[in-house]
Structure formats: structure tokens, C-alpha cells
Amino acid sequence: MIKIYGMPTCPYCDYIHEQVVGREDEFEYINIGENIRNMSAFTRLRDTDPVFERMKKIGDVGIPAFVLEDGSVTLDPADVGLIEFGTANACSIEDHKNGRKGC
């Protein structure tokens, strides 16, 4: 199962979360803002995995983050078969706000 670290106040995370609703057998969405345990797990991951180095340099949090079954980490939704917000196949922010299906 692929773990996804994110939070609902992040539009990129929200877009990813919508794609995995109903796919709980494939993905576990972990809301890092829900409790300190989730935040702590993400912080440990971010502090130790080199995939986050660029994000830290530019002052980005690094979510959504995907932890694959083998323990490797990626920040690219395409690596886990999902669509990144803002790409050619993604909905616009207005589509998303207006509740367009699939957004």
C-alpha cells in the first residue's frame, strides 16, 4: 500500500486525495494536520530522506509525499499513477472550487 502524506489546506494534496477516495486498498492518505503523531511521522521522514532536500532549500513543505511499498519516497504523483495538479490532464482551480467531478 502506498502512503500519501498531505493535508486538506494544501490544494495539491486535496487534488491528490480526491483521486484516491475509494481506493483505500491501494493508498493510505495520512493527514499530517490531523494529529501530532501524523505530523511527527512526516517530519521524521522529511528530516531523513534526501528526496526532500530541494523542497527544504526552496522553503517548501514537500507535500504531497508518497511512500512506496518498498519504503522509497517520491514527490511525483505520476510515480504512483496519479495526476499532478496543474498538469495538462488536471482540472483548473476554478473547476476544483466549483466541484467538477474528478477534480
Protein backbone atom coordinates (compact mmCIF):
# COMPACT_ATOMS: atom_id res chain seq x y z
CA MET A 1 0.00 0.00 0.00
CA ILE A 2 1.24 3.48 -0.87
CA LYS A 3 1.17 6.08 1.91
CA ILE A 4 0.40 9.66 0.99
CA TYR A 5 1.30 12.46 3.40
CA GLY A 6 -0.71 15.63 2.91
CA MET A 7 -3.26 17.95 4.46
CA PRO A 8 -6.58 19.44 3.37
CA THR A 9 -5.35 23.05 3.39
CA CYS A 10 -2.92 22.16 0.58
CA PRO A 11 -4.66 22.37 -2.84
CA TYR A 12 -2.12 19.96 -4.37
CA CYS A 13 -2.83 17.44 -1.60
CA ASP A 14 -6.57 17.93 -1.88
CA TYR A 15 -6.39 17.23 -5.60
CA ILE A 16 -4.45 14.01 -4.94
CA HIS A 17 -6.78 12.99 -2.10
CA GLU A 18 -9.81 13.22 -4.40
CA GLN A 19 -8.13 10.76 -6.79
CA VAL A 20 -7.65 8.11 -4.09
CA VAL A 21 -11.02 8.27 -2.37
CA GLY A 22 -12.50 4.78 -2.63
CA ARG A 23 -9.09 3.27 -3.36
CA GLU A 24 -8.14 2.55 0.26
CA ASP A 25 -6.85 -0.87 -0.76
CA GLU A 26 -4.11 0.89 -2.79
CA PHE A 27 -3.49 4.14 -0.91
CA GLU A 28 -3.41 5.33 2.69
CA TYR A 29 -3.90 9.09 2.92
CA ILE A 30 -2.31 10.49 6.07
CA ASN A 31 -3.44 13.98 7.07
CA ILE A 32 -0.39 15.47 8.77
CA GLY A 33 -2.51 18.21 10.32
CA GLU A 34 -4.91 15.79 11.97
CA ASN A 35 -2.75 14.95 14.98
CA ILE A 36 0.78 15.23 16.32
CA ARG A 37 1.54 11.57 15.58
CA ASN A 38 0.95 12.09 11.86
CA MET A 39 2.93 15.33 11.83
CA SER A 40 5.80 13.68 13.71
CA ALA A 41 5.93 10.74 11.28
CA PHE A 42 6.06 13.12 8.32
CA THR A 43 8.65 15.36 9.97
CA ARG A 44 10.93 12.36 10.64
CA LEU A 45 10.57 11.31 7.01
CA ARG A 46 11.26 14.83 5.74
CA ASP A 47 14.27 15.25 8.01
CA THR A 48 15.91 11.98 6.94
CA ASP A 49 15.03 11.31 3.30
CA PRO A 50 17.20 13.08 0.68
CA VAL A 51 14.25 13.44 -1.71
CA PHE A 52 13.17 16.44 0.39
CA GLU A 53 16.47 18.37 0.11
CA ARG A 54 15.30 20.53 -2.80
CA MET A 55 11.98 21.24 -1.08
CA LYS A 56 13.74 22.35 2.09
CA LYS A 57 16.10 24.62 0.10
CA ILE A 58 13.20 26.45 -1.53
CA GLY A 59 11.18 26.62 1.70
CA ASP A 60 8.51 24.17 0.61
CA VAL A 61 6.96 21.62 2.97
CA GLY A 62 7.18 18.75 0.47
CA ILE A 63 3.59 17.55 0.39
CA PRO A 64 2.01 15.59 -1.02
CA ALA A 65 4.69 13.00 -0.42
CA PHE A 66 4.35 9.37 -1.43
CA VAL A 67 5.95 6.44 0.38
CA LEU A 68 6.01 3.34 -1.79
CA GLU A 69 5.69 -0.21 -0.52
CA ASP A 70 9.48 -0.68 -0.68
CA GLY A 71 9.95 2.38 1.58
CA SER A 72 11.23 4.67 -1.15
CA VAL A 73 9.82 8.20 -1.27
CA THR A 74 8.74 10.31 -4.22
CA LEU A 75 7.14 13.71 -4.58
CA ASP A 76 5.88 12.99 -8.10
CA PRO A 77 2.24 11.81 -8.29
CA ALA A 78 2.93 10.23 -11.70
CA ASP A 79 5.26 7.75 -9.98
CA VAL A 80 2.21 6.27 -8.23
CA GLY A 81 -0.20 6.60 -11.16
CA LEU A 82 -1.87 9.85 -10.10
CA ILE A 83 -2.26 13.20 -11.85
CA GLU A 84 -0.48 16.28 -10.50
CA PHE A 85 -2.48 19.46 -10.03
CA GLY A 86 -1.68 21.97 -12.77
CA THR A 87 -0.61 19.46 -15.43
CA ALA A 88 -2.27 19.02 -18.82
CA ASN A 89 -4.71 16.39 -17.53
CA ALA A 90 -5.55 18.28 -14.34
CA CYS A 91 -8.54 20.47 -13.61
CA SER A 92 -8.20 24.19 -13.12
CA ILE A 93 -8.54 25.79 -9.69
CA GLU A 94 -11.95 27.10 -10.75
CA ASP A 95 -13.04 23.60 -11.83
CA HIS A 96 -11.93 22.31 -8.44
CA LYS A 97 -13.70 25.05 -6.48
CA ASN A 98 -16.87 24.52 -8.47
CA GLY A 99 -16.92 20.82 -7.66
CA ARG A 100 -16.20 19.47 -11.14
CA LYS A 101 -16.24 15.69 -10.97
CA GLY A 102 -12.74 14.24 -10.91
CA CYS A 103 -11.22 17.42 -9.56
